[in-house]
Amino acid sequence: MKNRVPLREQKPFAHLQQKQDIKEEKGPANFVVPVQTTNKRKSNLLNNKAFVAAIKKAWQTGNLALVHYDLQDFPDEIINIDTINLEGEEWWQKCPLTKLDLTNNNIQDIPLYDTLQELQVLRLGNNKIGRFHFDLTKQFQNLKSLTLQNNQLIEFSCRLDSIVELNLADNKLTGIDNLYFPNLEILDISNNQFAQLPSYLPPLIKKISAIGNKIQAIKQSDLIECKKLEDLQLSKNQIAFIEEGAFYNLIQLRVLDLKENKLKYFTQELLGDNHECLDSIQLSFNQLDVYNCYVGIQNLSVLFHQ
């Protein structure tokens, strides 16, 4: 009998093993970690050389971006960034994290933590966050800019005393609970399900974008404190009624966009006498009666109507 030639040893399920694809996202402003596709819910980012390099860069600049990284959770490594020990890095050389960009991931929750107290800019657009609740107030006490555009928000009740710019566009919000943003200047709630403007809009606000909601009326009390408002975007709603005096206090208003609503008239009584700064009123695609429109407001430099 001839001796059998031994078969070549193979590892089981070798044909199922796949290599991870890594693509690099470049950006001059921030050091952006490469895109990494993974099926694990949590990964040890400290094993990723690019992430480690990003951390070292963040300690120098205060800016960190993990964009398109398929993160399922808010990374523990970020929450505990001050405790990370890397060879060649000393604690007294570390700059606190002030800007964090986690855009385009799959994050569903923001955990409670008592770190990152110096954070001023937080980008969380294009994730799957459903709630931004009141318990998060303390950890974001120095936050000035927050982007939550295109998530799945149904609740926003966080008190943000320092916030200047807030982007909640493209979500499922019907309102904002416990609105208290004394320093807010820019608010974007476009493409949600608001039936009316948020109550208690702050006096420092300069721009409001509420495009593509379900607002049916503008009441006199809605904008009563907004004396510094310059730009009001209300197109693509269902506005059929504007209470007389609703715009009286908007003495700095430059742009008023009311196109694609259900307005049947628009006269100076809606504006009051203090509209010297107003440059543009957009009234296209309403149900306006031309004989009742524009009465007393002929001096506007730009006036649209179709």
C-alpha atoms as a PDB file:
ATOM      1  CA  MET A   1       0.000   0.000   0.000  1.00  0.00           C
ATOM      2  CA  LYS A   2       1.306   3.385  -0.947  1.00  0.00           C
ATOM      3  CA  ASN A   3       1.814   5.950   1.735  1.00  0.00           C
ATOM      4  CA  ARG A   4      -0.886   8.669   1.696  1.00  0.00           C
ATOM      5  CA  VAL A   5       0.268  12.199   1.155  1.00  0.00           C
ATOM      6  CA  PRO A   6      -0.963  14.291   4.114  1.00  0.00           C
ATOM      7  CA  LEU A   7      -3.473  16.970   3.242  1.00  0.00           C
ATOM      8  CA  ARG A   8      -2.412  20.569   3.612  1.00  0.00           C
ATOM      9  CA  GLU A   9      -3.564  21.894   6.991  1.00  0.00           C
ATOM     10  CA  GLN A  10      -6.252  24.565   6.697  1.00  0.00           C
ATOM     11  CA  LYS A  11      -7.816  26.812   9.287  1.00  0.00           C
ATOM     12  CA  PRO A  12     -11.558  26.246   9.741  1.00  0.00           C
ATOM     13  CA  PHE A  13     -13.873  28.884   8.225  1.00  0.00           C
ATOM     14  CA  ALA A  14     -10.917  30.630   6.622  1.00  0.00           C
ATOM     15  CA  HIS A  15     -13.121  31.408   3.632  1.00  0.00           C
ATOM     16  CA  LEU A  16     -15.399  33.483   5.881  1.00  0.00           C
ATOM     17  CA  GLN A  17     -12.680  35.809   7.088  1.00  0.00           C
ATOM     18  CA  GLN A  18     -12.854  39.269   5.554  1.00  0.00           C
ATOM     19  CA  LYS A  19     -10.500  42.151   5.635  1.00  0.00           C
ATOM     20  CA  GLN A  20     -11.700  45.445   6.986  1.00  0.00           C
ATOM     21  CA  ASP A  21     -11.890  48.276   4.521  1.00  0.00           C
ATOM     22  CA  ILE A  22     -10.374  51.499   5.685  1.00  0.00           C
ATOM     23  CA  LYS A  23     -10.887  54.792   3.890  1.00  0.00           C
ATOM     24  CA  GLU A  24      -9.343  58.067   4.884  1.00  0.00           C
ATOM     25  CA  GLU A  25     -11.385  61.231   5.358  1.00  0.00           C
ATOM     26  CA  LYS A  26      -9.271  64.337   4.953  1.00  0.00           C
ATOM     27  CA  GLY A  27      -9.995  67.756   6.397  1.00  0.00           C
ATOM     28  CA  PRO A  28      -7.694  70.725   6.865  1.00  0.00           C
ATOM     29  CA  ALA A  29      -9.431  72.119   9.940  1.00  0.00           C
ATOM     30  CA  ASN A  30      -9.693  69.023  12.095  1.00  0.00           C
ATOM     31  CA  PHE A  31      -7.746  65.808  12.297  1.00  0.00           C
ATOM     32  CA  VAL A  32     -10.310  63.286  11.098  1.00  0.00           C
ATOM     33  CA  VAL A  33      -9.996  59.611  11.948  1.00  0.00           C
ATOM     34  CA  PRO A  34     -10.243  57.195   8.980  1.00  0.00           C
ATOM     35  CA  VAL A  35     -13.523  55.470   8.273  1.00  0.00           C
ATOM     36  CA  GLN A  36     -13.596  51.937   9.638  1.00  0.00           C
ATOM     37  CA  THR A  37     -16.376  49.461   8.993  1.00  0.00           C
ATOM     38  CA  THR A  38     -17.029  47.014  11.804  1.00  0.00           C
ATOM     39  CA  ASN A  39     -19.845  44.778  12.961  1.00  0.00           C
ATOM     40  CA  LYS A  40     -18.913  45.061  16.621  1.00  0.00           C
ATOM     41  CA  ARG A  41     -21.119  47.272  18.759  1.00  0.00           C
ATOM     42  CA  LYS A  42     -18.129  48.511  20.721  1.00  0.00           C
ATOM     43  CA  SER A  43     -14.543  48.532  19.598  1.00  0.00           C
ATOM     44  CA  ASN A  44     -11.350  49.360  21.408  1.00  0.00           C
ATOM     45  CA  LEU A  45     -10.404  52.526  19.612  1.00  0.00           C
ATOM     46  CA  LEU A  46      -7.064  52.641  21.372  1.00  0.00           C
ATOM     47  CA  ASN A  47      -5.982  49.707  19.207  1.00  0.00           C
ATOM     48  CA  ASN A  48      -6.516  51.896  16.158  1.00  0.00           C
ATOM     49  CA  LYS A  49      -3.321  53.724  15.228  1.00  0.00           C
ATOM     50  CA  ALA A  50      -5.214  56.459  13.424  1.00  0.00           C
ATOM     51  CA  PHE A  51      -7.397  57.088  16.472  1.00  0.00           C
ATOM     52  CA  VAL A  52      -4.352  57.289  18.723  1.00  0.00           C
ATOM     53  CA  ALA A  53      -2.807  59.794  16.321  1.00  0.00           C
ATOM     54  CA  ALA A  54      -6.049  61.788  16.396  1.00  0.00           C
ATOM     55  CA  ILE A  55      -6.042  61.841  20.188  1.00  0.00           C
ATOM     56  CA  LYS A  56      -2.499  63.189  20.225  1.00  0.00           C
ATOM     57  CA  LYS A  57      -3.514  65.857  17.722  1.00  0.00           C
ATOM     58  CA  ALA A  58      -6.600  66.713  19.777  1.00  0.00           C
ATOM     59  CA  TRP A  59      -4.439  67.242  22.854  1.00  0.00           C
ATOM     60  CA  GLN A  60      -2.588  69.901  20.847  1.00  0.00           C
ATOM     61  CA  THR A  61      -5.581  71.631  19.194  1.00  0.00           C
ATOM     62  CA  GLY A  62      -8.611  70.812  21.345  1.00  0.00           C
ATOM     63  CA  ASN A  63     -10.429  69.518  18.228  1.00  0.00           C
ATOM     64  CA  LEU A  64     -11.376  65.893  17.511  1.00  0.00           C
ATOM     65  CA  ALA A  65     -13.479  64.448  14.675  1.00  0.00           C
ATOM     66  CA  LEU A  66     -14.723  60.868  14.334  1.00  0.00           C
ATOM     67  CA  VAL A  67     -16.763  61.281  11.167  1.00  0.00           C
ATOM     68  CA  HIS A  68     -18.236  58.354   9.164  1.00  0.00           C
ATOM     69  CA  TYR A  69     -16.855  55.891  11.710  1.00  0.00           C
ATOM     70  CA  ASP A  70     -19.924  53.657  12.138  1.00  0.00           C
ATOM     71  CA  LEU A  71     -19.983  54.233  15.895  1.00  0.00           C
ATOM     72  CA  GLN A  72     -22.966  52.662  17.650  1.00  0.00           C
ATOM     73  CA  ASP A  73     -22.309  54.403  20.977  1.00  0.00           C
ATOM     74  CA  PHE A  74     -20.803  57.579  22.317  1.00  0.00           C
ATOM     75  CA  PRO A  75     -17.170  56.396  22.702  1.00  0.00           C
ATOM     76  CA  ASP A  76     -15.939  55.684  26.227  1.00  0.00           C
ATOM     77  CA  GLU A  77     -12.485  56.649  25.041  1.00  0.00           C
ATOM     78  CA  ILE A  78     -13.761  60.191  24.417  1.00  0.00           C
ATOM     79  CA  ILE A  79     -15.566  60.459  27.745  1.00  0.00           C
ATOM     80  CA  ASN A  80     -12.351  59.389  29.504  1.00  0.00           C
ATOM     81  CA  ILE A  81      -9.963  61.178  27.189  1.00  0.00           C
ATOM     82  CA  ASP A  82      -8.203  62.936  30.075  1.00  0.00           C
ATOM     83  CA  THR A  83      -7.265  59.605  31.661  1.00  0.00           C
ATOM     84  CA  ILE A  84      -5.737  58.059  28.541  1.00  0.00           C
ATOM     85  CA  ASN A  85      -2.014  57.467  28.904  1.00  0.00           C
ATOM     86  CA  LEU A  86       0.024  57.357  25.729  1.00  0.00           C
ATOM     87  CA  GLU A  87       3.764  56.984  25.457  1.00  0.00           C
ATOM     88  CA  GLY A  88       5.510  60.295  25.045  1.00  0.00           C
ATOM     89  CA  GLU A  89       2.545  62.380  26.224  1.00  0.00           C
ATOM     90  CA  GLU A  90       2.539  64.195  29.550  1.00  0.00           C
ATOM     91  CA  TRP A  91      -0.630  65.384  31.275  1.00  0.00           C
ATOM     92  CA  TRP A  92       0.556  69.000  31.553  1.00  0.00           C
ATOM     93  CA  GLN A  93       0.943  69.155  27.770  1.00  0.00           C
ATOM     94  CA  LYS A  94      -2.676  68.196  27.061  1.00  0.00           C
ATOM     95  CA  CYS A  95      -5.133  70.780  25.758  1.00  0.00           C
ATOM     96  CA  PRO A  96      -8.757  70.216  26.938  1.00  0.00           C
ATOM     97  CA  LEU A  97     -11.221  69.059  24.294  1.00  0.00           C
ATOM     98  CA  THR A  98     -13.343  72.015  23.129  1.00  0.00           C
ATOM     99  CA  LYS A  99     -14.703  70.749  19.788  1.00  0.00           C
ATOM    100  CA  LEU A 100     -16.029  67.242  19.081  1.00  0.00           C
ATOM    101  CA  ASP A 101     -17.461  66.125  15.738  1.00  0.00           C
ATOM    102  CA  LEU A 102     -19.286  62.765  15.645  1.00  0.00           C
ATOM    103  CA  THR A 103     -21.273  63.461  12.473  1.00  0.00           C
ATOM    104  CA  ASN A 104     -22.464  60.576  10.287  1.00  0.00           C
ATOM    105  CA  ASN A 105     -22.452  57.669  12.732  1.00  0.00           C
ATOM    106  CA  ASN A 106     -25.156  55.467  14.275  1.00  0.00           C
ATOM    107  CA  ILE A 107     -25.136  56.820  17.825  1.00  0.00           C
ATOM    108  CA  GLN A 108     -28.487  56.400  19.595  1.00  0.00           C
ATOM    109  CA  ASP A 109     -27.853  57.784  23.099  1.00  0.00           C
ATOM    110  CA  ILE A 110     -25.819  60.432  24.868  1.00  0.00           C
ATOM    111  CA  PRO A 111     -24.609  58.961  28.183  1.00  0.00           C
ATOM    112  CA  LEU A 112     -24.376  60.854  31.451  1.00  0.00           C
ATOM    113  CA  TYR A 113     -20.836  61.778  32.437  1.00  0.00           C
ATOM    114  CA  ASP A 114     -18.988  64.438  34.404  1.00  0.00           C
ATOM    115  CA  THR A 115     -16.041  64.932  32.049  1.00  0.00           C
ATOM    116  CA  LEU A 116     -15.579  67.109  28.927  1.00  0.00           C
ATOM    117  CA  GLN A 117     -16.643  70.177  30.886  1.00  0.00           C
ATOM    118  CA  GLU A 118     -14.693  72.450  28.506  1.00  0.00           C
ATOM    119  CA  LEU A 119     -16.597  71.298  25.418  1.00  0.00           C
ATOM    120  CA  GLN A 120     -17.922  74.272  23.405  1.00  0.00           C
ATOM    121  CA  VAL A 121     -18.825  72.761  20.029  1.00  0.00           C
ATOM    122  CA  LEU A 122     -20.585  69.405  19.597  1.00  0.00           C
ATOM    123  CA  ARG A 123     -21.567  68.030  16.176  1.00  0.00           C
ATOM    124  CA  LEU A 124     -23.940  65.047  16.250  1.00  0.00           C
ATOM    125  CA  GLY A 125     -25.684  65.430  12.900  1.00  0.00           C
ATOM    126  CA  ASN A 126     -26.773  62.359  10.928  1.00  0.00           C
ATOM    127  CA  ASN A 127     -27.028  59.905  13.808  1.00  0.00           C
ATOM    128  CA  LYS A 128     -29.972  58.048  15.399  1.00  0.00           C
ATOM    129  CA  ILE A 129     -30.439  59.991  18.631  1.00  0.00           C
ATOM    130  CA  GLY A 130     -34.038  59.950  19.885  1.00  0.00           C
ATOM    131  CA  ARG A 131     -33.881  62.067  23.044  1.00  0.00           C
ATOM    132  CA  PHE A 132     -31.804  64.913  24.395  1.00  0.00           C
ATOM    133  CA  HIS A 133     -33.173  65.139  27.901  1.00  0.00           C
ATOM    134  CA  PHE A 134     -32.914  67.446  30.898  1.00  0.00           C
ATOM    135  CA  ASP A 135     -30.430  65.231  32.767  1.00  0.00           C
ATOM    136  CA  LEU A 136     -27.759  66.185  30.228  1.00  0.00           C
ATOM    137  CA  THR A 137     -27.880  69.845  31.286  1.00  0.00           C
ATOM    138  CA  LYS A 138     -24.954  69.766  33.718  1.00  0.00           C
ATOM    139  CA  GLN A 139     -22.428  68.183  31.379  1.00  0.00           C
ATOM    140  CA  PHE A 140     -23.049  70.735  28.619  1.00  0.00           C
ATOM    141  CA  GLN A 141     -22.947  73.878  30.733  1.00  0.00           C
ATOM    142  CA  ASN A 142     -20.236  75.508  28.570  1.00  0.00           C
ATOM    143  CA  LEU A 143     -21.576  74.379  25.189  1.00  0.00           C
ATOM    144  CA  LYS A 144     -21.986  77.196  22.652  1.00  0.00           C
ATOM    145  CA  SER A 145     -22.833  75.304  19.457  1.00  0.00           C
ATOM    146  CA  LEU A 146     -24.863  72.078  19.172  1.00  0.00           C
ATOM    147  CA  THR A 147     -25.829  70.318  15.948  1.00  0.00           C
ATOM    148  CA  LEU A 148     -28.400  67.510  16.063  1.00  0.00           C
ATOM    149  CA  GLN A 149     -29.627  67.792  12.493  1.00  0.00           C
ATOM    150  CA  ASN A 150     -31.077  64.680  10.858  1.00  0.00           C
ATOM    151  CA  ASN A 151     -31.497  62.408  13.860  1.00  0.00           C
ATOM    152  CA  GLN A 152     -34.658  60.792  15.240  1.00  0.00           C
ATOM    153  CA  LEU A 153     -35.371  63.317  17.985  1.00  0.00           C
ATOM    154  CA  ILE A 154     -38.810  63.237  19.565  1.00  0.00           C
ATOM    155  CA  GLU A 155     -37.744  65.018  22.766  1.00  0.00           C
ATOM    156  CA  PHE A 156     -35.480  67.956  23.486  1.00  0.00           C
ATOM    157  CA  SER A 157     -35.707  69.242  27.053  1.00  0.00           C
ATOM    158  CA  CYS A 158     -32.097  70.069  27.897  1.00  0.00           C
ATOM    159  CA  ARG A 159     -31.400  73.455  29.465  1.00  0.00           C
ATOM    160  CA  LEU A 160     -28.373  75.054  27.800  1.00  0.00           C
ATOM    161  CA  ASP A 161     -27.500  78.358  29.434  1.00  0.00           C
ATOM    162  CA  SER A 162     -24.444  79.070  27.250  1.00  0.00           C
ATOM    163  CA  ILE A 163     -25.745  77.885  23.879  1.00  0.00           C
ATOM    164  CA  VAL A 164     -25.466  80.409  21.016  1.00  0.00           C
ATOM    165  CA  GLU A 165     -26.246  78.212  17.995  1.00  0.00           C
ATOM    166  CA  LEU A 166     -28.701  75.285  18.053  1.00  0.00           C
ATOM    167  CA  ASN A 167     -29.523  73.136  15.018  1.00  0.00           C
ATOM    168  CA  LEU A 168     -32.431  70.691  15.468  1.00  0.00           C
ATOM    169  CA  ALA A 169     -33.470  70.506  11.807  1.00  0.00           C
ATOM    170  CA  ASP A 170     -34.751  67.327  10.141  1.00  0.00           C
ATOM    171  CA  ASN A 171     -36.108  65.503  13.181  1.00  0.00           C
ATOM    172  CA  LYS A 172     -39.521  64.510  14.587  1.00  0.00           C
ATOM    173  CA  LEU A 173     -39.985  67.227  17.188  1.00  0.00           C
ATOM    174  CA  THR A 174     -43.414  68.688  17.915  1.00  0.00           C
ATOM    175  CA  GLY A 175     -42.062  71.179  20.442  1.00  0.00           C
ATOM    176  CA  ILE A 176     -39.176  72.104  22.718  1.00  0.00           C
ATOM    177  CA  ASP A 177     -39.772  71.570  26.428  1.00  0.00           C
ATOM    178  CA  ASN A 178     -38.425  73.899  29.097  1.00  0.00           C
ATOM    179  CA  LEU A 179     -36.916  76.249  26.553  1.00  0.00           C
ATOM    180  CA  TYR A 180     -34.331  78.346  28.372  1.00  0.00           C
ATOM    181  CA  PHE A 181     -31.498  79.523  26.175  1.00  0.00           C
ATOM    182  CA  PRO A 182     -30.702  83.089  27.320  1.00  0.00           C
ATOM    183  CA  ASN A 183     -27.720  83.456  24.947  1.00  0.00           C
ATOM    184  CA  LEU A 184     -29.220  81.786  21.879  1.00  0.00           C
ATOM    185  CA  GLU A 185     -28.699  83.711  18.614  1.00  0.00           C
ATOM    186  CA  ILE A 186     -29.360  81.108  15.899  1.00  0.00           C
ATOM    187  CA  LEU A 187     -32.126  78.479  16.027  1.00  0.00           C
ATOM    188  CA  ASP A 188     -32.914  75.985  13.256  1.00  0.00           C
ATOM    189  CA  ILE A 189     -35.988  73.770  13.746  1.00  0.00           C
ATOM    190  CA  SER A 190     -36.711  73.253  10.040  1.00  0.00           C
ATOM    191  CA  ASN A 191     -38.411  70.085   8.804  1.00  0.00           C
ATOM    192  CA  ASN A 192     -39.952  68.963  12.076  1.00  0.00           C
ATOM    193  CA  GLN A 193     -43.593  68.798  13.184  1.00  0.00           C
ATOM    194  CA  PHE A 194     -44.042  72.065  15.074  1.00  0.00           C
ATOM    195  CA  ALA A 195     -47.636  73.342  15.055  1.00  0.00           C
ATOM    196  CA  GLN A 196     -46.504  76.706  16.441  1.00  0.00           C
ATOM    197  CA  LEU A 197     -43.304  78.591  17.150  1.00  0.00           C
ATOM    198  CA  PRO A 198     -41.564  77.656  20.415  1.00  0.00           C
ATOM    199  CA  SER A 199     -42.618  79.669  23.444  1.00  0.00           C
ATOM    200  CA  TYR A 200     -40.262  82.027  25.260  1.00  0.00           C
ATOM    201  CA  LEU A 201     -37.884  82.722  22.380  1.00  0.00           C
ATOM    202  CA  PRO A 202     -34.905  84.595  23.899  1.00  0.00           C
ATOM    203  CA  PRO A 203     -34.271  88.329  23.348  1.00  0.00           C
ATOM    204  CA  LEU A 204     -30.785  87.855  21.816  1.00  0.00           C
ATOM    205  CA  ILE A 205     -31.957  85.666  18.943  1.00  0.00           C
ATOM    206  CA  LYS A 206     -30.970  86.892  15.468  1.00  0.00           C
ATOM    207  CA  LYS A 207     -32.091  84.101  13.143  1.00  0.00           C
ATOM    208  CA  ILE A 208     -34.966  81.613  13.308  1.00  0.00           C
ATOM    209  CA  SER A 209     -35.425  78.913  10.659  1.00  0.00           C
ATOM    210  CA  ALA A 210     -38.705  77.034  10.982  1.00  0.00           C
ATOM    211  CA  ILE A 211     -39.100  75.946   7.362  1.00  0.00           C
ATOM    212  CA  GLY A 212     -41.229  72.911   6.540  1.00  0.00           C
ATOM    213  CA  ASN A 213     -43.251  72.511   9.732  1.00  0.00           C
ATOM    214  CA  LYS A 214     -47.006  72.540  10.428  1.00  0.00           C
ATOM    215  CA  ILE A 215     -47.319  76.071  11.799  1.00  0.00           C
ATOM    216  CA  GLN A 216     -50.795  77.473  11.120  1.00  0.00           C
ATOM    217  CA  ALA A 217     -50.665  80.895  12.771  1.00  0.00           C
ATOM    218  CA  ILE A 218     -48.269  83.522  14.126  1.00  0.00           C
ATOM    219  CA  LYS A 219     -49.530  85.028  17.374  1.00  0.00           C
ATOM    220  CA  GLN A 220     -48.602  88.401  18.801  1.00  0.00           C
ATOM    221  CA  SER A 221     -46.928  86.747  21.775  1.00  0.00           C
ATOM    222  CA  ASP A 222     -44.726  84.415  19.691  1.00  0.00           C
ATOM    223  CA  LEU A 223     -41.998  86.940  18.865  1.00  0.00           C
ATOM    224  CA  ILE A 224     -42.638  89.634  21.438  1.00  0.00           C
ATOM    225  CA  GLU A 225     -39.125  89.437  22.979  1.00  0.00           C
ATOM    226  CA  CYS A 226     -37.206  89.114  19.701  1.00  0.00           C
ATOM    227  CA  LYS A 227     -36.145  92.724  19.192  1.00  0.00           C
ATOM    228  CA  LYS A 228     -32.777  91.707  17.697  1.00  0.00           C
ATOM    229  CA  LEU A 229     -34.205  89.238  15.185  1.00  0.00           C
ATOM    230  CA  GLU A 230     -32.795  89.849  11.691  1.00  0.00           C
ATOM    231  CA  ASP A 231     -33.840  86.782   9.691  1.00  0.00           C
ATOM    232  CA  LEU A 232     -37.149  84.902  10.025  1.00  0.00           C
ATOM    233  CA  GLN A 233     -37.644  81.836   7.797  1.00  0.00           C
ATOM    234  CA  LEU A 234     -41.219  80.458   7.857  1.00  0.00           C
ATOM    235  CA  SER A 235     -41.675  79.061   4.350  1.00  0.00           C
ATOM    236  CA  LYS A 236     -43.411  75.745   3.584  1.00  0.00           C
ATOM    237  CA  ASN A 237     -45.773  75.815   6.554  1.00  0.00           C
ATOM    238  CA  GLN A 238     -49.564  76.106   6.757  1.00  0.00           C
ATOM    239  CA  ILE A 239     -49.756  79.707   7.957  1.00  0.00           C
ATOM    240  CA  ALA A 240     -53.166  81.204   7.197  1.00  0.00           C
ATOM    241  CA  PHE A 241     -53.353  83.789   9.970  1.00  0.00           C
ATOM    242  CA  ILE A 242     -50.935  86.373  11.359  1.00  0.00           C
ATOM    243  CA  GLU A 243     -52.195  88.296  14.353  1.00  0.00           C
ATOM    244  CA  GLU A 244     -51.980  92.072  14.044  1.00  0.00           C
ATOM    245  CA  GLY A 245     -48.865  93.271  15.854  1.00  0.00           C
ATOM    246  CA  ALA A 246     -47.090  89.920  15.590  1.00  0.00           C
ATOM    247  CA  PHE A 247     -44.079  91.622  13.973  1.00  0.00           C
ATOM    248  CA  TYR A 248     -44.250  94.981  15.797  1.00  0.00           C
ATOM    249  CA  ASN A 249     -41.195  94.406  17.973  1.00  0.00           C
ATOM    250  CA  LEU A 250     -38.979  93.101  15.165  1.00  0.00           C
ATOM    251  CA  ILE A 251     -37.265  96.437  14.646  1.00  0.00           C
ATOM    252  CA  GLN A 252     -34.022  94.836  13.350  1.00  0.00           C
ATOM    253  CA  LEU A 253     -35.728  92.449  10.918  1.00  0.00           C
ATOM    254  CA  ARG A 254     -34.132  92.368   7.464  1.00  0.00           C
ATOM    255  CA  VAL A 255     -35.494  89.192   5.878  1.00  0.00           C
ATOM    256  CA  LEU A 256     -39.003  87.750   6.245  1.00  0.00           C
ATOM    257  CA  ASP A 257     -39.738  84.580   4.269  1.00  0.00           C
ATOM    258  CA  LEU A 258     -43.387  83.466   4.198  1.00  0.00           C
ATOM    259  CA  LYS A 259     -43.534  81.744   0.829  1.00  0.00           C
ATOM    260  CA  GLU A 260     -45.522  78.532   0.290  1.00  0.00           C
ATOM    261  CA  ASN A 261     -48.102  79.148   3.009  1.00  0.00           C
ATOM    262  CA  LYS A 262     -51.859  79.856   2.975  1.00  0.00           C
ATOM    263  CA  LEU A 263     -51.910  83.620   3.481  1.00  0.00           C
ATOM    264  CA  LYS A 264     -54.778  85.555   1.895  1.00  0.00           C
ATOM    265  CA  TYR A 265     -53.615  89.053   2.836  1.00  0.00           C
ATOM    266  CA  PHE A 266     -50.528  90.921   4.013  1.00  0.00           C
ATOM    267  CA  THR A 267     -50.660  94.611   4.992  1.00  0.00           C
ATOM    268  CA  GLN A 268     -48.621  97.122   6.968  1.00  0.00           C
ATOM    269  CA  GLU A 269     -50.779  96.508  10.027  1.00  0.00           C
ATOM    270  CA  LEU A 270     -48.947  93.214  10.403  1.00  0.00           C
ATOM    271  CA  LEU A 271     -45.572  94.965  10.481  1.00  0.00           C
ATOM    272  CA  GLY A 272     -46.214  98.142  12.423  1.00  0.00           C
ATOM    273  CA  ASP A 273     -44.301 101.357  11.795  1.00  0.00           C
ATOM    274  CA  ASN A 274     -40.785 100.228  12.708  1.00  0.00           C
ATOM    275  CA  HIS A 275     -39.591  98.274   9.691  1.00  0.00           C
ATOM    276  CA  GLU A 276     -36.850 100.567   8.353  1.00  0.00           C
ATOM    277  CA  CYS A 277     -34.334  97.689   8.279  1.00  0.00           C
ATOM    278  CA  LEU A 278     -36.572  95.333   6.316  1.00  0.00           C
ATOM    279  CA  ASP A 279     -35.065  94.538   2.907  1.00  0.00           C
ATOM    280  CA  SER A 280     -36.995  91.495   1.750  1.00  0.00           C
ATOM    281  CA  ILE A 281     -40.415  89.938   2.183  1.00  0.00           C
ATOM    282  CA  GLN A 282     -40.949  86.667   0.341  1.00  0.00           C
ATOM    283  CA  LEU A 283     -44.643  85.968  -0.239  1.00  0.00           C
ATOM    284  CA  SER A 284     -44.516  83.673  -3.257  1.00  0.00           C
ATOM    285  CA  PHE A 285     -47.004  80.815  -3.604  1.00  0.00           C
ATOM    286  CA  ASN A 286     -49.652  81.951  -1.132  1.00  0.00           C
ATOM    287  CA  GLN A 287     -53.342  82.728  -1.691  1.00  0.00           C
ATOM    288  CA  LEU A 288     -52.977  86.505  -1.638  1.00  0.00           C
ATOM    289  CA  ASP A 289     -55.583  88.922  -2.922  1.00  0.00           C
ATOM    290  CA  VAL A 290     -53.498  91.433  -4.848  1.00  0.00           C
ATOM    291  CA  TYR A 291     -55.884  94.281  -3.931  1.00  0.00           C
ATOM    292  CA  ASN A 292     -55.286  93.826  -0.205  1.00  0.00           C
ATOM    293  CA  CYS A 293     -51.584  93.118  -0.393  1.00  0.00           C
ATOM    294  CA  TYR A 294     -48.610  95.469   0.064  1.00  0.00           C
ATOM    295  CA  VAL A 295     -50.729  98.335   1.445  1.00  0.00           C
ATOM    296  CA  GLY A 296     -48.320 100.904   2.912  1.00  0.00           C
ATOM    297  CA  ILE A 297     -45.134  98.862   2.370  1.00  0.00           C
ATOM    298  CA  GLN A 298     -44.132 100.057  -1.106  1.00  0.00           C
ATOM    299  CA  ASN A 299     -40.743 101.344   0.083  1.00  0.00           C
ATOM    300  CA  LEU A 300     -39.242  97.903   0.600  1.00  0.00           C
ATOM    301  CA  SER A 301     -36.130  97.426  -1.521  1.00  0.00           C
ATOM    302  CA  VAL A 302     -37.098  93.831  -2.378  1.00  0.00           C
ATOM    303  CA  LEU A 303     -40.625  92.436  -2.530  1.00  0.00           C
ATOM    304  CA  PHE A 304     -41.536  89.129  -4.180  1.00  0.00           C
ATOM    305  CA  HIS A 305     -44.956  87.902  -5.184  1.00  0.00           C
ATOM    306  CA  GLN A 306     -46.285  85.226  -7.528  1.00  0.00           C
END
